N, C-alpha and C. Protein backbone atom coordinates (compact mmCIF):
# COMPACT_ATOMS: atom_id res chain seq x y z
N MET A 1 -7.50 20.89 11.19
CA MET A 1 -8.26 19.73 10.84
C MET A 1 -7.80 19.40 9.46
N ASN A 2 -7.74 18.01 9.23
CA ASN A 2 -7.54 17.51 7.78
C ASN A 2 -8.80 16.75 7.26
N VAL A 3 -9.13 16.98 6.16
CA VAL A 3 -10.34 16.25 5.51
C VAL A 3 -9.76 15.44 4.30
N PHE A 4 -10.30 14.17 4.25
CA PHE A 4 -9.93 13.35 3.09
C PHE A 4 -11.17 12.74 2.60
N LYS A 5 -11.31 12.82 1.23
CA LYS A 5 -12.45 12.11 0.50
C LYS A 5 -12.07 10.78 0.11
N ILE A 6 -12.68 9.76 0.47
CA ILE A 6 -12.48 8.38 0.07
C ILE A 6 -13.79 7.83 -0.48
N GLY A 7 -13.89 7.76 -1.75
CA GLY A 7 -15.07 7.37 -2.39
C GLY A 7 -16.23 8.38 -2.10
N ASN A 8 -17.33 7.86 -1.53
CA ASN A 8 -18.55 8.86 -1.20
C ASN A 8 -18.31 9.04 0.26
N LYS A 9 -17.33 8.75 0.95
CA LYS A 9 -17.25 9.03 2.46
C LYS A 9 -16.14 10.15 2.67
N VAL A 10 -16.20 10.85 3.76
CA VAL A 10 -15.35 11.86 4.06
C VAL A 10 -14.69 11.61 5.45
N LEU A 11 -13.43 11.47 5.48
CA LEU A 11 -12.73 11.24 6.70
C LEU A 11 -12.20 12.61 7.28
N HIS A 12 -12.53 12.79 8.61
CA HIS A 12 -12.08 13.98 9.31
C HIS A 12 -11.04 13.67 10.39
N ILE A 13 -9.92 14.35 10.40
CA ILE A 13 -8.98 14.24 11.42
C ILE A 13 -8.85 15.55 12.10
N GLU A 14 -9.33 15.64 13.43
CA GLU A 14 -9.23 16.80 14.20
C GLU A 14 -8.24 16.55 15.28
N PRO A 15 -7.86 17.69 16.05
CA PRO A 15 -6.87 17.34 17.07
C PRO A 15 -7.31 16.54 18.22
N SER A 16 -8.57 16.16 18.44
CA SER A 16 -8.98 15.29 19.56
C SER A 16 -9.65 14.01 19.14
N LYS A 17 -10.18 14.06 17.83
CA LYS A 17 -10.94 12.98 17.27
C LYS A 17 -10.88 12.73 15.80
N ILE A 18 -11.17 11.49 15.32
CA ILE A 18 -11.21 11.18 13.90
C ILE A 18 -12.58 10.57 13.68
N TYR A 19 -13.23 10.96 12.60
CA TYR A 19 -14.51 10.37 12.31
C TYR A 19 -14.87 10.48 10.80
N TRP A 20 -15.86 9.50 10.45
CA TRP A 20 -16.36 9.40 9.08
C TRP A 20 -17.66 10.33 9.06
N GLU A 21 -17.68 10.85 7.87
CA GLU A 21 -18.91 11.66 7.57
C GLU A 21 -19.55 10.93 6.34
N ASN A 22 -20.85 10.95 6.20
CA ASN A 22 -21.62 10.32 5.16
C ASN A 22 -21.46 8.74 5.15
N GLN A 23 -21.52 8.17 6.33
CA GLN A 23 -21.52 6.72 6.40
C GLN A 23 -22.79 6.21 7.15
N LEU A 24 -23.27 5.14 6.76
CA LEU A 24 -24.54 4.60 7.35
C LEU A 24 -24.57 4.79 8.95
N PHE A 25 -23.53 4.23 9.59
CA PHE A 25 -23.54 4.41 10.96
C PHE A 25 -22.44 5.39 11.43
N ASP A 26 -22.55 6.14 12.40
CA ASP A 26 -21.59 7.02 12.76
C ASP A 26 -20.34 6.32 13.32
N ASN A 27 -19.27 6.75 12.94
CA ASN A 27 -18.06 5.94 13.26
C ASN A 27 -17.04 7.06 13.76
N LEU A 28 -16.66 7.03 14.95
CA LEU A 28 -15.88 8.13 15.73
C LEU A 28 -14.96 7.46 16.56
N ILE A 29 -13.77 8.03 16.80
CA ILE A 29 -12.76 7.75 18.01
C ILE A 29 -12.23 8.88 18.51
N ASP A 30 -12.24 9.10 19.96
CA ASP A 30 -11.65 10.20 20.48
C ASP A 30 -10.27 9.75 20.97
N GLN A 31 -9.34 10.55 20.98
CA GLN A 31 -7.85 10.32 21.50
C GLN A 31 -7.47 8.96 21.26
N PRO A 32 -7.11 8.54 20.14
CA PRO A 32 -6.56 7.08 19.87
C PRO A 32 -5.19 6.97 20.65
N THR A 33 -4.86 5.95 21.28
CA THR A 33 -3.65 5.75 21.84
C THR A 33 -2.77 4.61 21.30
N GLU A 34 -3.43 3.79 20.35
CA GLU A 34 -2.73 2.71 19.68
C GLU A 34 -2.96 2.80 18.24
N ILE A 35 -2.01 2.38 17.39
CA ILE A 35 -2.12 2.39 16.04
C ILE A 35 -1.48 1.16 15.52
N ARG A 36 -2.01 0.64 14.33
CA ARG A 36 -1.34 -0.38 13.57
C ARG A 36 -1.71 -0.09 12.10
N TYR A 37 -0.88 -0.22 11.12
CA TYR A 37 -1.11 -0.08 9.74
C TYR A 37 -0.22 -0.85 8.84
N GLY A 38 -0.72 -1.08 7.73
CA GLY A 38 0.09 -1.88 6.72
C GLY A 38 -0.72 -2.34 5.56
N ILE A 39 -0.21 -3.04 4.72
CA ILE A 39 -0.73 -3.31 3.35
C ILE A 39 -1.05 -4.97 3.44
N ALA A 40 -2.26 -5.25 3.01
CA ALA A 40 -2.53 -6.73 2.93
C ALA A 40 -3.09 -6.96 1.53
N PRO A 41 -2.85 -8.14 0.99
CA PRO A 41 -3.52 -8.59 -0.28
C PRO A 41 -5.01 -8.81 -0.17
N ILE A 42 -5.48 -8.58 -1.15
CA ILE A 42 -7.06 -8.97 -1.30
C ILE A 42 -7.10 -10.23 -2.18
N GLN A 43 -7.61 -11.28 -1.53
CA GLN A 43 -7.46 -12.53 -2.28
C GLN A 43 -8.91 -13.07 -2.61
N LEU A 44 -8.98 -13.76 -3.66
CA LEU A 44 -10.22 -14.45 -4.03
C LEU A 44 -9.78 -15.95 -4.40
N ASP A 45 -10.12 -16.80 -3.57
CA ASP A 45 -9.73 -18.27 -3.51
C ASP A 45 -8.03 -18.11 -3.42
N MET A 46 -7.38 -18.60 -4.43
CA MET A 46 -5.85 -18.56 -4.22
C MET A 46 -5.34 -17.46 -5.07
N PHE A 47 -6.05 -16.49 -5.57
CA PHE A 47 -5.62 -15.56 -6.50
C PHE A 47 -5.64 -14.15 -5.74
N THR A 48 -4.58 -13.33 -5.92
CA THR A 48 -4.54 -12.02 -5.39
C THR A 48 -5.18 -11.17 -6.44
N ILE A 49 -6.21 -10.44 -6.08
CA ILE A 49 -6.91 -9.50 -6.99
C ILE A 49 -6.81 -8.03 -6.63
N GLY A 50 -6.09 -7.73 -5.66
CA GLY A 50 -5.88 -6.29 -5.24
C GLY A 50 -5.16 -6.01 -3.93
N THR A 51 -5.11 -4.86 -3.48
CA THR A 51 -4.30 -4.39 -2.44
C THR A 51 -5.15 -3.61 -1.47
N ASN A 52 -5.19 -3.92 -0.14
CA ASN A 52 -5.83 -3.34 0.96
C ASN A 52 -4.89 -2.37 1.79
N PHE A 53 -4.95 -1.14 1.77
CA PHE A 53 -4.11 -0.23 2.67
C PHE A 53 -4.94 0.02 3.84
N LYS A 54 -4.39 -0.56 4.98
CA LYS A 54 -5.23 -0.54 6.21
C LYS A 54 -4.70 0.40 7.41
N ILE A 55 -5.42 1.20 7.95
CA ILE A 55 -4.93 1.79 9.28
C ILE A 55 -6.07 1.55 10.24
N GLN A 56 -5.62 1.03 11.37
CA GLN A 56 -6.45 0.78 12.52
C GLN A 56 -6.00 1.42 13.76
N LEU A 57 -7.04 1.94 14.48
CA LEU A 57 -6.78 2.77 15.74
C LEU A 57 -7.63 2.24 16.86
N ARG A 58 -7.07 2.45 18.05
CA ARG A 58 -7.88 2.02 19.17
C ARG A 58 -7.58 3.09 20.34
N ASN A 59 -8.54 3.30 21.21
CA ASN A 59 -8.21 4.18 22.30
C ASN A 59 -8.33 3.44 23.70
N GLU A 60 -8.13 4.14 24.74
CA GLU A 60 -8.11 3.55 26.11
C GLU A 60 -9.35 2.94 26.48
N LYS A 61 -10.48 3.34 25.82
CA LYS A 61 -11.86 2.79 26.15
C LYS A 61 -11.96 1.42 25.36
N ASN A 62 -11.00 1.06 24.49
CA ASN A 62 -11.05 -0.11 23.62
C ASN A 62 -12.01 0.13 22.43
N ASP A 63 -12.32 1.43 22.09
CA ASP A 63 -13.07 1.82 20.82
C ASP A 63 -12.07 1.70 19.64
N ARG A 64 -12.56 1.14 18.64
CA ARG A 64 -11.80 0.89 17.49
C ARG A 64 -12.24 1.72 16.21
N PHE A 65 -11.35 2.04 15.42
CA PHE A 65 -11.61 2.80 14.12
C PHE A 65 -10.75 2.22 13.10
N ASN A 66 -11.47 1.85 11.87
CA ASN A 66 -10.81 1.38 10.80
C ASN A 66 -10.81 2.25 9.50
N ILE A 67 -9.64 2.40 8.86
CA ILE A 67 -9.62 3.14 7.67
C ILE A 67 -9.05 2.09 6.57
N SER A 68 -9.76 1.83 5.56
CA SER A 68 -9.35 0.90 4.55
C SER A 68 -9.33 1.47 3.12
N LEU A 69 -8.39 1.49 2.41
CA LEU A 69 -8.32 1.90 1.01
C LEU A 69 -7.99 0.85 0.24
N LYS A 70 -8.94 0.36 -0.67
CA LYS A 70 -8.71 -0.79 -1.54
C LYS A 70 -8.48 -0.42 -3.01
N SER A 71 -7.62 -1.18 -3.63
CA SER A 71 -7.31 -1.16 -5.08
C SER A 71 -7.49 -2.39 -5.66
N TYR A 72 -8.29 -2.68 -6.58
CA TYR A 72 -8.55 -3.92 -7.29
C TYR A 72 -7.72 -4.02 -8.56
N PHE A 73 -7.12 -5.04 -8.94
CA PHE A 73 -6.45 -5.37 -10.14
C PHE A 73 -5.41 -4.20 -10.44
N GLY A 74 -4.86 -3.49 -9.49
CA GLY A 74 -3.85 -2.58 -9.69
C GLY A 74 -4.43 -1.20 -10.10
N ILE A 75 -5.78 -1.04 -10.31
CA ILE A 75 -6.34 0.15 -10.68
C ILE A 75 -6.31 1.20 -9.64
N GLY A 76 -5.65 2.30 -9.94
CA GLY A 76 -5.54 3.31 -9.04
C GLY A 76 -4.63 3.05 -7.81
N ARG A 77 -3.78 1.96 -7.76
CA ARG A 77 -3.04 1.61 -6.66
C ARG A 77 -2.11 2.75 -6.22
N ALA A 78 -1.39 3.46 -6.97
CA ALA A 78 -0.45 4.58 -6.82
C ALA A 78 -1.10 5.65 -5.99
N LYS A 79 -2.24 6.00 -6.58
CA LYS A 79 -3.13 7.08 -6.02
C LYS A 79 -3.54 6.64 -4.57
N LYS A 80 -4.01 5.47 -4.38
CA LYS A 80 -4.60 4.96 -3.15
C LYS A 80 -3.45 4.96 -2.02
N TYR A 81 -2.25 4.56 -2.52
CA TYR A 81 -1.08 4.49 -1.62
C TYR A 81 -0.66 5.77 -1.13
N GLN A 82 -0.73 6.74 -2.14
CA GLN A 82 -0.35 8.15 -1.64
C GLN A 82 -1.41 8.75 -0.74
N LEU A 83 -2.71 8.43 -0.97
CA LEU A 83 -3.72 8.89 -0.03
C LEU A 83 -3.46 8.15 1.30
N TYR A 84 -3.31 6.88 1.40
CA TYR A 84 -2.89 6.08 2.65
C TYR A 84 -1.80 6.72 3.33
N GLU A 85 -0.75 7.05 2.72
CA GLU A 85 0.43 7.80 3.35
C GLU A 85 0.14 9.12 4.00
N GLN A 86 -0.75 9.82 3.28
CA GLN A 86 -1.09 11.18 3.74
C GLN A 86 -1.98 11.09 5.01
N ILE A 87 -2.88 10.11 5.09
CA ILE A 87 -3.73 9.98 6.09
C ILE A 87 -2.97 9.37 7.28
N ALA A 88 -2.05 8.40 7.04
CA ALA A 88 -1.32 7.80 8.25
C ALA A 88 -0.34 9.00 8.72
N ASP A 89 0.20 9.87 7.92
CA ASP A 89 1.03 10.90 8.38
C ASP A 89 0.35 11.84 9.25
N SER A 90 -0.90 12.26 8.83
CA SER A 90 -1.73 13.18 9.49
C SER A 90 -2.10 12.58 10.85
N ILE A 91 -2.55 11.36 10.88
CA ILE A 91 -2.84 10.74 12.20
C ILE A 91 -1.66 10.61 13.12
N TRP A 92 -0.47 10.25 12.60
CA TRP A 92 0.64 10.29 13.33
C TRP A 92 1.10 11.56 13.98
N ASP A 93 1.02 12.69 13.14
CA ASP A 93 1.45 13.99 13.58
C ASP A 93 0.44 14.45 14.66
N ASN A 94 -0.76 14.21 14.56
CA ASN A 94 -1.76 14.49 15.62
C ASN A 94 -1.95 13.82 16.82
N PHE A 95 -1.57 12.54 16.74
CA PHE A 95 -1.88 11.76 17.95
C PHE A 95 -0.81 10.97 18.48
N PHE A 96 0.25 10.66 17.59
CA PHE A 96 1.26 9.71 18.13
C PHE A 96 2.61 10.24 18.25
N ALA A 97 3.02 11.32 17.45
CA ALA A 97 4.53 11.75 17.41
C ALA A 97 4.98 12.06 18.79
N THR A 98 4.18 13.02 19.59
CA THR A 98 4.56 13.40 20.83
C THR A 98 4.52 12.19 21.89
N GLN A 99 3.48 11.42 21.78
CA GLN A 99 3.40 10.39 22.78
C GLN A 99 4.50 9.26 22.65
N PHE A 100 4.85 9.03 21.33
CA PHE A 100 6.03 8.06 21.16
C PHE A 100 7.23 8.62 21.50
N ALA A 101 7.46 9.87 21.16
CA ALA A 101 8.83 10.63 21.54
C ALA A 101 9.04 10.59 23.06
N GLU A 102 8.00 10.58 23.75
CA GLU A 102 8.16 10.80 25.15
C GLU A 102 8.51 9.21 25.72
N LEU A 103 7.77 8.09 25.10
CA LEU A 103 8.15 6.84 25.50
C LEU A 103 9.68 6.43 25.04
N VAL A 104 10.13 6.93 23.82
CA VAL A 104 11.47 6.74 23.35
C VAL A 104 12.47 7.40 24.50
N GLU A 105 12.09 8.69 24.86
CA GLU A 105 12.99 9.18 25.75
C GLU A 105 13.07 8.46 27.15
N LYS A 106 11.99 8.03 27.59
CA LYS A 106 11.94 7.09 28.86
C LYS A 106 12.79 5.95 28.61
N TRP A 107 12.70 5.31 27.51
CA TRP A 107 13.51 4.16 27.26
C TRP A 107 14.96 4.51 27.11
N GLU A 108 15.36 5.61 26.47
CA GLU A 108 16.69 6.16 26.40
C GLU A 108 17.30 6.48 27.77
N ASN A 109 16.42 6.75 28.75
CA ASN A 109 16.79 7.17 30.09
C ASN A 109 16.94 5.93 30.97
N GLY A 110 16.77 4.79 30.44
CA GLY A 110 16.99 3.53 31.15
C GLY A 110 15.75 2.77 31.70
N GLU A 111 14.57 3.40 31.41
CA GLU A 111 13.26 2.86 31.91
C GLU A 111 12.95 1.57 31.15
N THR A 112 12.31 0.63 31.64
CA THR A 112 11.69 -0.38 30.85
C THR A 112 10.26 -0.01 30.47
N ILE A 113 10.01 -0.08 29.14
CA ILE A 113 8.66 0.25 28.65
C ILE A 113 7.90 -1.04 28.20
N GLU A 114 6.56 -0.89 28.29
CA GLU A 114 5.77 -2.04 27.78
C GLU A 114 4.91 -1.48 26.55
N VAL A 115 4.93 -2.13 25.54
CA VAL A 115 4.21 -1.78 24.27
C VAL A 115 3.58 -3.07 23.78
N ALA A 116 2.26 -3.17 24.08
CA ALA A 116 1.32 -4.25 23.58
C ALA A 116 1.99 -5.44 24.29
N LYS A 117 2.44 -6.50 23.51
CA LYS A 117 2.93 -7.74 24.01
C LYS A 117 4.50 -7.74 24.15
N PHE A 118 5.10 -6.62 24.20
CA PHE A 118 6.55 -6.52 24.30
C PHE A 118 7.07 -5.62 25.51
N LEU A 119 7.93 -6.12 26.09
CA LEU A 119 8.76 -5.39 27.17
C LEU A 119 10.13 -4.95 26.60
N ILE A 120 10.48 -3.76 26.57
CA ILE A 120 11.64 -3.23 26.10
C ILE A 120 12.51 -2.63 27.15
N ASP A 121 13.75 -3.11 27.45
CA ASP A 121 14.65 -2.45 28.38
C ASP A 121 15.92 -2.04 27.70
N SER A 122 16.90 -1.76 28.45
CA SER A 122 18.23 -1.07 27.88
C SER A 122 18.96 -2.15 27.11
N LYS A 123 18.71 -3.56 27.36
CA LYS A 123 19.61 -4.61 26.83
C LYS A 123 18.72 -5.33 25.65
N GLY A 124 17.44 -5.27 25.72
CA GLY A 124 16.84 -6.11 24.60
C GLY A 124 15.27 -5.90 24.68
N ILE A 125 14.66 -6.90 24.13
CA ILE A 125 13.12 -6.94 24.01
C ILE A 125 12.67 -8.40 24.31
N THR A 126 11.55 -8.44 24.96
CA THR A 126 10.93 -9.66 25.43
C THR A 126 9.47 -9.64 24.84
N LYS A 127 9.18 -10.65 24.19
CA LYS A 127 7.81 -10.85 23.54
C LYS A 127 7.10 -11.82 24.41
N LYS A 128 5.83 -11.45 24.92
CA LYS A 128 5.09 -12.32 25.68
C LYS A 128 4.11 -13.12 24.88
N LEU A 129 4.20 -14.50 24.92
CA LEU A 129 3.39 -15.32 24.17
C LEU A 129 2.64 -16.26 25.13
N GLY A 130 1.59 -15.68 25.74
CA GLY A 130 0.77 -16.41 26.73
C GLY A 130 1.77 -16.66 27.95
N PRO A 131 1.83 -17.95 28.33
CA PRO A 131 2.75 -18.10 29.51
C PRO A 131 4.14 -18.14 29.27
N HIS A 132 4.53 -18.22 28.03
CA HIS A 132 5.83 -18.17 27.52
C HIS A 132 6.38 -16.82 27.13
N LYS A 133 7.73 -16.71 27.01
CA LYS A 133 8.35 -15.58 26.62
C LYS A 133 9.52 -15.78 25.70
N ILE A 134 9.82 -14.90 24.74
CA ILE A 134 11.03 -14.95 24.09
C ILE A 134 11.83 -13.59 24.38
N THR A 135 13.01 -13.78 24.74
CA THR A 135 13.92 -12.60 25.00
C THR A 135 15.03 -12.54 24.04
N MET A 136 15.24 -11.35 23.57
CA MET A 136 16.44 -11.27 22.61
C MET A 136 17.17 -9.90 22.91
N ASN A 137 18.39 -9.99 23.07
CA ASN A 137 19.30 -8.82 23.19
C ASN A 137 19.50 -8.08 21.89
N PHE A 138 19.61 -6.81 22.08
CA PHE A 138 19.75 -6.01 20.85
C PHE A 138 21.03 -6.39 20.12
N ASP A 139 22.14 -6.67 20.79
CA ASP A 139 23.32 -7.01 20.09
C ASP A 139 23.36 -8.41 19.39
N GLU A 140 22.30 -9.21 19.52
CA GLU A 140 22.18 -10.36 18.78
C GLU A 140 21.22 -10.33 17.64
N MET A 141 20.54 -9.22 17.54
CA MET A 141 19.43 -9.18 16.52
C MET A 141 20.03 -8.95 15.12
N LYS A 142 19.31 -9.49 14.12
CA LYS A 142 19.47 -9.50 12.82
C LYS A 142 18.02 -9.20 12.22
N LEU A 143 17.92 -7.97 11.52
CA LEU A 143 16.56 -7.61 11.04
C LEU A 143 16.33 -7.91 9.59
N PHE A 144 15.21 -8.42 9.26
CA PHE A 144 14.66 -8.60 7.91
C PHE A 144 13.31 -8.12 7.65
N PRO A 145 13.29 -6.82 7.33
CA PRO A 145 11.98 -6.25 7.03
C PRO A 145 11.28 -6.89 5.77
N ARG A 146 10.07 -7.20 5.89
CA ARG A 146 9.20 -7.66 4.89
C ARG A 146 8.00 -6.80 4.71
N PHE A 147 7.29 -6.93 3.67
CA PHE A 147 6.16 -5.99 3.31
C PHE A 147 5.02 -6.09 4.51
N ASP A 148 4.94 -7.11 5.12
CA ASP A 148 3.83 -7.15 6.09
C ASP A 148 4.39 -7.53 7.48
N HIS A 149 5.55 -7.50 7.81
CA HIS A 149 6.08 -7.73 9.06
C HIS A 149 7.64 -7.58 9.12
N LEU A 150 8.17 -7.56 10.32
CA LEU A 150 9.72 -7.33 10.49
C LEU A 150 10.03 -8.69 11.24
N LEU A 151 10.90 -9.38 10.64
CA LEU A 151 11.51 -10.65 11.23
C LEU A 151 12.66 -10.24 11.88
N ILE A 152 12.77 -10.73 13.18
CA ILE A 152 13.86 -10.37 14.04
C ILE A 152 14.62 -11.75 14.41
N ASN A 153 15.61 -11.99 13.71
CA ASN A 153 16.38 -13.30 14.08
C ASN A 153 17.61 -13.11 14.92
N SER A 154 17.79 -14.11 15.73
CA SER A 154 19.00 -14.13 16.52
C SER A 154 20.19 -14.53 15.71
N ASN A 155 21.37 -13.88 15.85
CA ASN A 155 22.52 -14.42 15.21
C ASN A 155 23.33 -15.27 16.13
N LEU A 156 22.68 -15.66 17.18
CA LEU A 156 23.41 -16.70 18.13
C LEU A 156 22.70 -17.97 18.14
N LYS A 157 21.33 -17.98 17.88
CA LYS A 157 20.66 -19.33 17.90
C LYS A 157 19.78 -19.33 16.62
N ASP A 158 19.93 -20.32 15.88
CA ASP A 158 19.15 -20.33 14.62
C ASP A 158 17.62 -20.55 14.80
N ASP A 159 17.20 -21.07 15.95
CA ASP A 159 15.77 -21.30 16.16
C ASP A 159 15.10 -20.31 16.90
N LYS A 160 15.88 -19.16 17.20
CA LYS A 160 15.31 -18.07 17.92
C LYS A 160 14.96 -16.84 17.12
N PHE A 161 13.67 -16.48 17.06
CA PHE A 161 13.23 -15.39 16.26
C PHE A 161 12.00 -14.76 16.85
N MET A 162 11.63 -13.55 16.28
CA MET A 162 10.32 -12.90 16.64
C MET A 162 9.80 -12.34 15.34
N LYS A 163 8.66 -12.21 15.25
CA LYS A 163 7.90 -11.42 14.12
C LYS A 163 7.07 -10.27 14.63
N LEU A 164 7.36 -9.24 14.04
CA LEU A 164 6.51 -7.96 14.43
C LEU A 164 5.54 -7.74 13.19
N HIS A 165 4.33 -8.32 13.29
CA HIS A 165 3.43 -8.02 12.18
C HIS A 165 2.76 -6.77 12.22
N TYR A 166 2.81 -6.08 11.17
CA TYR A 166 2.18 -4.65 11.09
C TYR A 166 0.89 -4.57 11.31
N LEU A 167 0.02 -5.50 10.90
CA LEU A 167 -1.47 -5.46 11.13
C LEU A 167 -1.87 -6.13 12.24
N ASP A 168 -1.13 -6.82 12.97
CA ASP A 168 -1.49 -7.57 14.16
C ASP A 168 -1.02 -6.91 15.56
N HIS A 169 0.15 -6.19 15.44
CA HIS A 169 0.88 -5.66 16.63
C HIS A 169 0.56 -4.25 16.89
N TRP A 170 -0.21 -3.78 17.93
CA TRP A 170 -0.47 -2.42 18.12
C TRP A 170 0.83 -1.58 18.50
N ASN A 171 0.83 -0.41 17.89
CA ASN A 171 2.04 0.36 18.15
C ASN A 171 3.43 -0.21 17.70
N TRP A 172 3.33 -1.02 16.66
CA TRP A 172 4.67 -1.60 16.04
C TRP A 172 5.61 -0.43 15.60
N PRO A 173 5.21 0.63 15.12
CA PRO A 173 6.18 1.65 14.81
C PRO A 173 7.18 2.15 15.95
N LEU A 174 6.58 2.16 17.11
CA LEU A 174 7.32 2.45 18.29
C LEU A 174 8.49 1.42 18.61
N ILE A 175 8.06 0.20 18.51
CA ILE A 175 8.90 -1.02 18.67
C ILE A 175 9.96 -0.95 17.68
N ASN A 176 9.65 -0.80 16.50
CA ASN A 176 10.56 -0.74 15.36
C ASN A 176 11.60 0.31 15.53
N GLU A 177 11.06 1.64 15.81
CA GLU A 177 12.01 2.67 16.11
C GLU A 177 13.01 2.38 17.22
N ILE A 178 12.55 1.79 18.32
CA ILE A 178 13.53 1.57 19.50
C ILE A 178 14.49 0.39 19.05
N ILE A 179 14.06 -0.58 18.41
CA ILE A 179 15.10 -1.68 17.91
C ILE A 179 16.04 -1.01 16.99
N ASN A 180 15.63 -0.11 15.98
CA ASN A 180 16.61 0.39 14.97
C ASN A 180 17.58 1.36 15.86
N ARG A 181 17.10 2.15 16.72
CA ARG A 181 17.92 3.00 17.50
C ARG A 181 19.01 2.11 18.29
N ALA A 182 18.57 1.12 18.99
CA ALA A 182 19.37 0.36 19.81
C ALA A 182 20.48 -0.39 18.91
N ILE A 183 20.03 -0.90 17.87
CA ILE A 183 20.97 -1.70 17.02
C ILE A 183 22.04 -0.65 16.40
N ASN A 184 21.57 0.57 15.92
CA ASN A 184 22.44 1.50 15.24
C ASN A 184 23.36 2.10 16.26
N THR A 185 23.01 2.30 17.57
CA THR A 185 23.71 2.82 18.59
C THR A 185 24.90 1.71 18.98
N ASP A 186 24.42 0.48 19.17
CA ASP A 186 25.35 -0.59 19.42
C ASP A 186 26.37 -0.74 18.30
N ALA A 187 25.86 -0.57 17.06
CA ALA A 187 26.92 -0.76 15.91
C ALA A 187 27.84 0.36 15.97
N ASN A 188 27.52 1.57 16.24
CA ASN A 188 28.42 2.65 16.32
C ASN A 188 29.39 2.61 17.55
N ARG A 189 29.03 1.81 18.50
CA ARG A 189 30.04 1.79 19.59
C ARG A 189 31.05 0.70 19.35
N ARG A 190 30.89 -0.20 18.30
CA ARG A 190 31.86 -1.22 18.11
C ARG A 190 33.09 -0.78 17.29
């Protein structure tokens, strides 16, 4: 069990659940299956006044759990970021490392896997956008990581691209891992 003190609240990460202690309402999630995390600016009108380090979890029952560490005007930013990384690593090790390793293995064995709005097969990735789809092969991808998203451009068509938003797309680390493995494997074969 890992325990993290965040302000006057205490976050508990146990092998089967995550919960807040000392909060007005009980907040608990059992066996999270989806994660998204990232950094977002805190804005007041058009001015950025701080940084919000967010971790969001969801389970099969669609229960949600939010962890937010905020730094205003850069005060304590490095310390909050370090705590954010420790919490994310602890959650990852307890709930997602094994699950994602199994999905990567299935993909490596030729199975098509579905992660949120994405279908990933041995040739590429398809993003479902309502009734429309964007499909891109791994060998045409050009990656541009940004602080809040991964931009995936096609080197064949200038108007073909996908964005993988860290705070919008569930389980984006799995998609990112598979894309990087596929691209690096293809590059090594050339």
